[in-house]
Amino acid sequence: MDYLVNMVRDSVEAGGRDHFSCSSSAWDLLLELGHTFGWKPLGTSYAPSDTAMAPDNPTRHDYRPSDRQDSKLVVAADALTWAAALNEARSSPHLAIMLEERRLVATSSNTSSADALRSVNTPFVSTMDEFIAYAFGGAFEFFRSP
C-alpha cells in the first residue's frame, strides 16, 4: 500500500523550502538510488520534541517512515551526501535503464508499486530533482501520512 512521506524543517535560507512530500514508492526508490550511487547513510534519530533535551549521541534508526508523533530526523551531513549521490545518479546514463527495470519487476510481480511506477521516468525524475534540491537544504524530519 502506497502512502505519503512528508518532510519538514525550519528553512534557514530566506525563501528556502520547508516542506516536501512524495509517495512511499518514490521514497524507497530515492533510498535505493542513493545507496547505489555511493550514499553511506548515517542513520536517523527520532526527532526530539524539545531540542534542548536532544541527546548528544542519539540512537540511530532506519529510514522507514513512522507516524507523525514518531517522526525521524535526517541530519544535515546525511541529507547533503544523499543529495550528492542522487545528483550523481541523475547524471548517469544508467538511470533510465534502472528505472525501467524497476518498473518491469514491479509490474511482473503485481505489487501495488507497479501502478506508482507505471510511467516512472518523467514523474519520478521530476520528484527526484525536487528531492535533490530539498535535501541540499540540509537536515529534515520525515514521517508517513495515510
N, C-alpha and C. Protein backbone atom coordinates (compact mmCIF):
# COMPACT_ATOMS: atom_id res chain seq x y z
N MET A 1 0.83 -1.17 0.00
CA MET A 1 0.00 0.00 0.00
C MET A 1 0.88 1.25 0.00
N ASP A 2 0.62 2.12 -0.94
CA ASP A 2 1.38 3.35 -1.07
C ASP A 2 0.83 4.40 -0.09
N TYR A 3 1.70 5.15 0.51
CA TYR A 3 1.32 6.23 1.41
C TYR A 3 2.22 7.42 1.12
N LEU A 4 1.96 8.53 1.74
CA LEU A 4 2.72 9.75 1.53
C LEU A 4 3.80 9.88 2.59
N VAL A 5 5.01 10.25 2.17
CA VAL A 5 6.10 10.55 3.10
C VAL A 5 6.25 12.07 3.10
N ASN A 6 6.07 12.67 4.27
CA ASN A 6 6.19 14.12 4.43
C ASN A 6 7.53 14.46 5.05
N MET A 7 8.14 15.51 4.56
CA MET A 7 9.40 16.00 5.09
C MET A 7 9.21 17.47 5.48
N VAL A 8 9.71 17.83 6.65
CA VAL A 8 9.56 19.20 7.14
C VAL A 8 10.85 19.66 7.81
N ARG A 9 11.04 20.98 7.84
CA ARG A 9 12.15 21.60 8.55
C ARG A 9 11.87 23.09 8.63
N ASP A 10 12.59 23.75 9.51
CA ASP A 10 12.58 25.21 9.55
C ASP A 10 13.67 25.64 8.59
N SER A 11 13.28 26.25 7.49
CA SER A 11 14.24 26.63 6.48
C SER A 11 15.13 27.76 6.99
N VAL A 12 16.44 27.55 6.89
CA VAL A 12 17.41 28.54 7.32
C VAL A 12 17.53 29.64 6.27
N GLU A 13 17.43 29.26 5.02
CA GLU A 13 17.58 30.16 3.90
C GLU A 13 16.31 30.98 3.69
N ALA A 14 16.45 32.26 3.43
CA ALA A 14 15.28 33.08 3.10
C ALA A 14 14.64 32.53 1.82
N GLY A 15 13.36 32.25 1.88
CA GLY A 15 12.68 31.69 0.71
C GLY A 15 12.96 30.22 0.50
N GLY A 16 13.68 29.58 1.44
CA GLY A 16 14.01 28.16 1.32
C GLY A 16 12.77 27.30 1.51
N ARG A 17 12.84 26.10 1.03
CA ARG A 17 11.70 25.19 1.09
C ARG A 17 11.68 24.47 2.43
N ASP A 18 10.55 24.56 3.12
CA ASP A 18 10.45 23.94 4.43
C ASP A 18 9.62 22.67 4.43
N HIS A 19 9.00 22.31 3.30
CA HIS A 19 8.18 21.11 3.24
C HIS A 19 8.35 20.43 1.88
N PHE A 20 8.34 19.11 1.91
CA PHE A 20 8.38 18.32 0.68
C PHE A 20 7.68 17.02 0.97
N SER A 21 7.01 16.44 0.01
CA SER A 21 6.40 15.13 0.20
C SER A 21 6.48 14.34 -1.11
N CYS A 22 6.46 13.02 -0.94
CA CYS A 22 6.47 12.13 -2.10
C CYS A 22 5.79 10.82 -1.69
N SER A 23 5.51 9.99 -2.66
CA SER A 23 4.90 8.69 -2.37
C SER A 23 5.94 7.78 -1.71
N SER A 24 5.45 6.77 -1.01
CA SER A 24 6.37 5.82 -0.39
C SER A 24 7.17 5.06 -1.45
N SER A 25 6.58 4.84 -2.63
CA SER A 25 7.32 4.19 -3.73
C SER A 25 8.49 5.05 -4.17
N ALA A 26 8.25 6.35 -4.30
CA ALA A 26 9.32 7.27 -4.68
C ALA A 26 10.38 7.33 -3.58
N TRP A 27 9.96 7.37 -2.32
CA TRP A 27 10.89 7.39 -1.17
C TRP A 27 11.81 6.17 -1.22
N ASP A 28 11.22 4.99 -1.43
CA ASP A 28 12.01 3.75 -1.49
C ASP A 28 13.02 3.81 -2.64
N LEU A 29 12.60 4.36 -3.76
CA LEU A 29 13.49 4.46 -4.90
C LEU A 29 14.60 5.49 -4.65
N LEU A 30 14.28 6.58 -3.98
CA LEU A 30 15.30 7.57 -3.62
C LEU A 30 16.35 6.95 -2.70
N LEU A 31 15.90 6.13 -1.77
CA LEU A 31 16.83 5.42 -0.88
C LEU A 31 17.71 4.46 -1.68
N GLU A 32 17.07 3.66 -2.53
CA GLU A 32 17.81 2.67 -3.33
C GLU A 32 18.84 3.33 -4.24
N LEU A 33 18.44 4.38 -4.94
CA LEU A 33 19.37 5.06 -5.84
C LEU A 33 20.50 5.73 -5.07
N GLY A 34 20.18 6.30 -3.91
CA GLY A 34 21.23 6.90 -3.09
C GLY A 34 22.29 5.87 -2.73
N HIS A 35 21.84 4.70 -2.26
CA HIS A 35 22.79 3.62 -1.92
C HIS A 35 23.60 3.20 -3.14
N THR A 36 22.91 3.00 -4.25
CA THR A 36 23.57 2.53 -5.47
C THR A 36 24.66 3.49 -5.93
N PHE A 37 24.42 4.79 -5.75
CA PHE A 37 25.38 5.78 -6.24
C PHE A 37 26.26 6.36 -5.14
N GLY A 38 26.48 5.56 -4.07
CA GLY A 38 27.54 5.89 -3.13
C GLY A 38 27.16 6.51 -1.80
N TRP A 39 25.88 6.72 -1.55
CA TRP A 39 25.49 7.30 -0.26
C TRP A 39 25.69 6.28 0.84
N LYS A 40 26.36 6.67 1.89
CA LYS A 40 26.58 5.84 3.07
C LYS A 40 25.72 6.45 4.19
N PRO A 41 24.51 5.93 4.38
CA PRO A 41 23.59 6.53 5.36
C PRO A 41 24.17 6.55 6.77
N LEU A 42 23.95 7.65 7.46
CA LEU A 42 24.40 7.79 8.84
C LEU A 42 23.36 7.24 9.81
N GLY A 43 22.15 7.01 9.33
CA GLY A 43 21.05 6.58 10.18
C GLY A 43 20.27 7.79 10.66
N THR A 44 19.06 7.54 11.05
CA THR A 44 18.20 8.63 11.52
C THR A 44 18.10 8.55 13.04
N SER A 45 17.56 9.59 13.61
CA SER A 45 17.22 9.57 15.03
C SER A 45 15.78 10.04 15.15
N TYR A 46 15.14 9.71 16.25
CA TYR A 46 13.80 10.25 16.45
C TYR A 46 13.93 11.73 16.69
N ALA A 47 13.07 12.48 16.03
CA ALA A 47 13.12 13.93 16.17
C ALA A 47 12.72 14.31 17.59
N PRO A 48 13.55 15.07 18.28
CA PRO A 48 13.21 15.45 19.65
C PRO A 48 12.05 16.44 19.67
N SER A 49 11.20 16.31 20.66
CA SER A 49 10.09 17.26 20.79
C SER A 49 10.59 18.58 21.36
N ASP A 50 11.73 18.54 22.03
CA ASP A 50 12.35 19.74 22.60
C ASP A 50 13.85 19.64 22.32
N THR A 51 14.34 20.50 21.44
CA THR A 51 15.75 20.41 21.03
C THR A 51 16.71 20.60 22.20
N ALA A 52 16.28 21.28 23.24
CA ALA A 52 17.16 21.45 24.41
C ALA A 52 17.38 20.12 25.11
N MET A 53 16.47 19.17 24.92
CA MET A 53 16.57 17.87 25.57
C MET A 53 17.17 16.81 24.64
N ALA A 54 17.60 17.20 23.46
CA ALA A 54 18.14 16.24 22.50
C ALA A 54 19.45 15.65 23.01
N PRO A 55 19.60 14.33 22.96
CA PRO A 55 20.86 13.71 23.41
C PRO A 55 21.99 14.02 22.43
N ASP A 56 23.22 14.05 22.94
CA ASP A 56 24.37 14.33 22.10
C ASP A 56 24.65 13.18 21.12
N ASN A 57 24.41 11.96 21.54
CA ASN A 57 24.64 10.78 20.72
C ASN A 57 23.36 9.96 20.61
N PRO A 58 22.42 10.38 19.77
CA PRO A 58 21.15 9.64 19.71
C PRO A 58 21.33 8.26 19.08
N THR A 59 20.47 7.34 19.46
CA THR A 59 20.46 6.01 18.86
C THR A 59 20.07 6.15 17.40
N ARG A 60 20.74 5.43 16.51
CA ARG A 60 20.47 5.52 15.08
C ARG A 60 19.41 4.51 14.67
N HIS A 61 18.56 4.95 13.75
CA HIS A 61 17.45 4.14 13.26
C HIS A 61 17.47 4.08 11.74
N ASP A 62 16.54 3.32 11.17
CA ASP A 62 16.45 3.18 9.72
C ASP A 62 15.69 4.36 9.10
N TYR A 63 15.44 4.26 7.83
CA TYR A 63 14.78 5.33 7.08
C TYR A 63 13.33 4.99 6.76
N ARG A 64 12.77 4.05 7.49
CA ARG A 64 11.37 3.68 7.32
C ARG A 64 10.52 4.73 8.02
N PRO A 65 9.64 5.41 7.28
CA PRO A 65 8.82 6.46 7.91
C PRO A 65 7.88 5.90 8.97
N SER A 66 7.76 6.63 10.06
CA SER A 66 6.84 6.30 11.16
C SER A 66 5.72 7.33 11.16
N ASP A 67 4.82 7.20 12.12
CA ASP A 67 3.74 8.17 12.26
C ASP A 67 4.31 9.52 12.68
N ARG A 68 3.51 10.55 12.56
CA ARG A 68 3.93 11.93 12.86
C ARG A 68 4.52 12.06 14.26
N GLN A 69 3.91 11.42 15.25
CA GLN A 69 4.40 11.55 16.62
C GLN A 69 5.75 10.85 16.82
N ASP A 70 6.14 10.01 15.88
CA ASP A 70 7.45 9.34 15.92
C ASP A 70 8.29 9.72 14.71
N SER A 71 8.22 10.99 14.31
CA SER A 71 8.97 11.41 13.13
C SER A 71 10.47 11.23 13.37
N LYS A 72 11.18 11.00 12.29
CA LYS A 72 12.62 10.76 12.35
C LYS A 72 13.36 11.94 11.73
N LEU A 73 14.61 12.08 12.12
CA LEU A 73 15.44 13.20 11.69
C LEU A 73 16.62 12.72 10.84
N VAL A 74 16.79 13.35 9.69
CA VAL A 74 17.98 13.15 8.85
C VAL A 74 18.85 14.37 9.10
N VAL A 75 20.06 14.16 9.61
CA VAL A 75 20.95 15.29 9.91
C VAL A 75 21.48 15.90 8.62
N ALA A 76 21.96 17.13 8.72
CA ALA A 76 22.40 17.88 7.55
C ALA A 76 23.45 17.15 6.73
N ALA A 77 24.47 16.62 7.38
CA ALA A 77 25.54 15.93 6.64
C ALA A 77 25.00 14.75 5.86
N ASP A 78 24.06 14.02 6.43
CA ASP A 78 23.45 12.87 5.76
C ASP A 78 22.60 13.33 4.58
N ALA A 79 21.81 14.37 4.79
CA ALA A 79 20.98 14.90 3.71
C ALA A 79 21.84 15.36 2.53
N LEU A 80 22.94 16.02 2.83
CA LEU A 80 23.81 16.54 1.77
C LEU A 80 24.48 15.42 0.98
N THR A 81 24.95 14.37 1.68
CA THR A 81 25.60 13.28 0.94
C THR A 81 24.57 12.45 0.16
N TRP A 82 23.34 12.35 0.68
CA TRP A 82 22.27 11.67 -0.05
C TRP A 82 21.95 12.45 -1.32
N ALA A 83 21.82 13.77 -1.19
CA ALA A 83 21.54 14.61 -2.35
C ALA A 83 22.67 14.52 -3.39
N ALA A 84 23.91 14.50 -2.93
CA ALA A 84 25.05 14.41 -3.85
C ALA A 84 25.03 13.08 -4.61
N ALA A 85 24.71 11.99 -3.91
CA ALA A 85 24.63 10.68 -4.57
C ALA A 85 23.50 10.66 -5.60
N LEU A 86 22.37 11.24 -5.25
CA LEU A 86 21.25 11.29 -6.20
C LEU A 86 21.57 12.20 -7.37
N ASN A 87 22.33 13.25 -7.12
CA ASN A 87 22.76 14.13 -8.21
C ASN A 87 23.65 13.36 -9.18
N GLU A 88 24.50 12.51 -8.62
CA GLU A 88 25.35 11.64 -9.44
C GLU A 88 24.47 10.68 -10.25
N ALA A 89 23.47 10.09 -9.61
CA ALA A 89 22.54 9.19 -10.30
C ALA A 89 21.82 9.92 -11.43
N ARG A 90 21.43 11.15 -11.14
CA ARG A 90 20.67 11.95 -12.11
C ARG A 90 21.44 12.16 -13.40
N SER A 91 22.75 12.27 -13.29
CA SER A 91 23.57 12.50 -14.49
C SER A 91 24.09 11.20 -15.10
N SER A 92 23.73 10.07 -14.51
CA SER A 92 24.20 8.78 -15.01
C SER A 92 23.38 8.30 -16.22
N PRO A 93 24.06 7.77 -17.22
CA PRO A 93 23.32 7.21 -18.36
C PRO A 93 22.57 5.93 -17.98
N HIS A 94 22.87 5.38 -16.81
CA HIS A 94 22.23 4.14 -16.36
C HIS A 94 20.89 4.37 -15.65
N LEU A 95 20.59 5.61 -15.31
CA LEU A 95 19.38 5.89 -14.54
C LEU A 95 18.12 5.42 -15.26
N ALA A 96 17.95 5.76 -16.52
CA ALA A 96 16.74 5.37 -17.25
C ALA A 96 16.58 3.86 -17.31
N ILE A 97 17.69 3.14 -17.48
CA ILE A 97 17.64 1.67 -17.54
C ILE A 97 17.23 1.12 -16.17
N MET A 98 17.81 1.66 -15.10
CA MET A 98 17.47 1.20 -13.75
C MET A 98 15.99 1.43 -13.44
N LEU A 99 15.48 2.58 -13.82
CA LEU A 99 14.07 2.89 -13.57
C LEU A 99 13.16 1.97 -14.36
N GLU A 100 13.52 1.69 -15.60
CA GLU A 100 12.70 0.80 -16.42
C GLU A 100 12.73 -0.62 -15.87
N GLU A 101 13.89 -1.09 -15.43
CA GLU A 101 13.97 -2.43 -14.84
C GLU A 101 13.12 -2.52 -13.58
N ARG A 102 13.16 -1.49 -12.76
CA ARG A 102 12.34 -1.50 -11.55
C ARG A 102 10.85 -1.53 -11.90
N ARG A 103 10.47 -0.78 -12.91
CA ARG A 103 9.07 -0.77 -13.33
C ARG A 103 8.64 -2.14 -13.82
N LEU A 104 9.49 -2.80 -14.59
CA LEU A 104 9.16 -4.13 -15.11
C LEU A 104 9.04 -5.15 -13.99
N VAL A 105 9.93 -5.10 -13.01
CA VAL A 105 9.85 -6.02 -11.88
C VAL A 105 8.56 -5.78 -11.10
N ALA A 106 8.23 -4.52 -10.84
CA ALA A 106 7.01 -4.20 -10.10
C ALA A 106 5.77 -4.66 -10.86
N THR A 107 5.79 -4.48 -12.18
CA THR A 107 4.65 -4.89 -13.00
C THR A 107 4.50 -6.40 -13.02
N SER A 108 5.60 -7.13 -13.16
CA SER A 108 5.53 -8.59 -13.25
C SER A 108 5.15 -9.23 -11.92
N SER A 109 5.46 -8.58 -10.80
CA SER A 109 5.12 -9.16 -9.51
C SER A 109 3.76 -8.69 -9.01
N ASN A 110 3.09 -7.88 -9.81
CA ASN A 110 1.76 -7.37 -9.47
C ASN A 110 1.72 -6.68 -8.11
N THR A 111 2.78 -5.98 -7.76
CA THR A 111 2.79 -5.27 -6.49
C THR A 111 2.04 -3.96 -6.63
N SER A 112 1.67 -3.38 -5.51
CA SER A 112 0.96 -2.10 -5.56
C SER A 112 1.85 -1.00 -6.10
N SER A 113 3.16 -1.18 -6.03
CA SER A 113 4.04 -0.14 -6.55
C SER A 113 4.07 -0.13 -8.07
N ALA A 114 3.55 -1.17 -8.71
CA ALA A 114 3.53 -1.20 -10.17
C ALA A 114 2.75 -0.01 -10.72
N ASP A 115 1.61 0.30 -10.12
CA ASP A 115 0.83 1.44 -10.58
C ASP A 115 1.60 2.73 -10.39
N ALA A 116 2.26 2.86 -9.25
CA ALA A 116 3.01 4.07 -8.96
C ALA A 116 4.18 4.25 -9.91
N LEU A 117 4.72 3.14 -10.41
CA LEU A 117 5.90 3.21 -11.28
C LEU A 117 5.57 3.04 -12.76
N ARG A 118 4.28 2.97 -13.10
CA ARG A 118 3.90 2.68 -14.48
C ARG A 118 4.57 3.62 -15.48
N SER A 119 4.53 4.90 -15.22
CA SER A 119 5.20 5.86 -16.11
C SER A 119 6.28 6.57 -15.31
N VAL A 120 7.18 5.77 -14.78
CA VAL A 120 8.13 6.23 -13.78
C VAL A 120 9.13 7.28 -14.29
N ASN A 121 9.58 7.17 -15.49
CA ASN A 121 10.68 8.03 -15.91
C ASN A 121 10.41 9.51 -15.71
N THR A 122 9.41 10.07 -16.35
CA THR A 122 9.18 11.51 -16.24
C THR A 122 8.71 11.93 -14.86
N PRO A 123 7.65 11.34 -14.29
CA PRO A 123 7.22 11.80 -12.97
C PRO A 123 8.27 11.57 -11.88
N PHE A 124 8.92 10.41 -11.89
CA PHE A 124 9.90 10.16 -10.84
C PHE A 124 11.10 11.08 -10.96
N VAL A 125 11.57 11.30 -12.16
CA VAL A 125 12.74 12.17 -12.34
C VAL A 125 12.43 13.58 -11.84
N SER A 126 11.22 14.04 -12.06
CA SER A 126 10.81 15.34 -11.55
C SER A 126 10.81 15.33 -10.01
N THR A 127 10.27 14.28 -9.41
CA THR A 127 10.28 14.13 -7.95
C THR A 127 11.72 14.06 -7.44
N MET A 128 12.55 13.32 -8.16
CA MET A 128 13.95 13.17 -7.77
C MET A 128 14.65 14.53 -7.79
N ASP A 129 14.43 15.31 -8.83
CA ASP A 129 15.03 16.64 -8.92
C ASP A 129 14.59 17.52 -7.76
N GLU A 130 13.31 17.46 -7.42
CA GLU A 130 12.80 18.26 -6.31
C GLU A 130 13.40 17.81 -4.98
N PHE A 131 13.51 16.49 -4.81
CA PHE A 131 14.08 15.97 -3.56
C PHE A 131 15.56 16.37 -3.45
N ILE A 132 16.30 16.29 -4.54
CA ILE A 132 17.71 16.68 -4.52
C ILE A 132 17.83 18.13 -4.03
N ALA A 133 17.04 19.02 -4.60
CA ALA A 133 17.08 20.42 -4.20
C ALA A 133 16.70 20.57 -2.73
N TYR A 134 15.68 19.82 -2.30
CA TYR A 134 15.25 19.87 -0.90
C TYR A 134 16.35 19.36 0.04
N ALA A 135 16.92 18.21 -0.27
CA ALA A 135 17.94 17.60 0.59
C ALA A 135 19.21 18.45 0.65
N PHE A 136 19.54 19.15 -0.42
CA PHE A 136 20.70 20.05 -0.37
C PHE A 136 20.46 21.20 0.60
N GLY A 137 19.21 21.39 1.02
CA GLY A 137 18.88 22.42 2.01
C GLY A 137 19.23 22.03 3.43
N GLY A 138 19.63 20.77 3.66
CA GLY A 138 20.07 20.35 4.99
C GLY A 138 19.12 19.43 5.72
N ALA A 139 19.24 19.42 7.03
CA ALA A 139 18.51 18.49 7.90
C ALA A 139 17.00 18.61 7.72
N PHE A 140 16.31 17.47 7.91
CA PHE A 140 14.85 17.49 7.85
C PHE A 140 14.28 16.32 8.64
N GLU A 141 13.05 16.47 9.08
CA GLU A 141 12.29 15.41 9.71
C GLU A 141 11.41 14.77 8.66
N PHE A 142 11.10 13.49 8.84
CA PHE A 142 10.17 12.84 7.92
C PHE A 142 9.24 11.89 8.69
N PHE A 143 8.06 11.73 8.13
CA PHE A 143 7.03 10.86 8.73
C PHE A 143 6.03 10.47 7.65
N ARG A 144 5.25 9.46 7.94
CA ARG A 144 4.28 8.96 6.97
C ARG A 144 2.88 9.49 7.27
N SER A 145 2.13 9.65 6.18
CA SER A 145 0.71 10.01 6.28
C SER A 145 -0.08 8.92 5.56
N PRO A 146 -1.24 8.55 6.13
CA PRO A 146 -2.05 7.50 5.48
C PRO A 146 -2.54 7.93 4.11
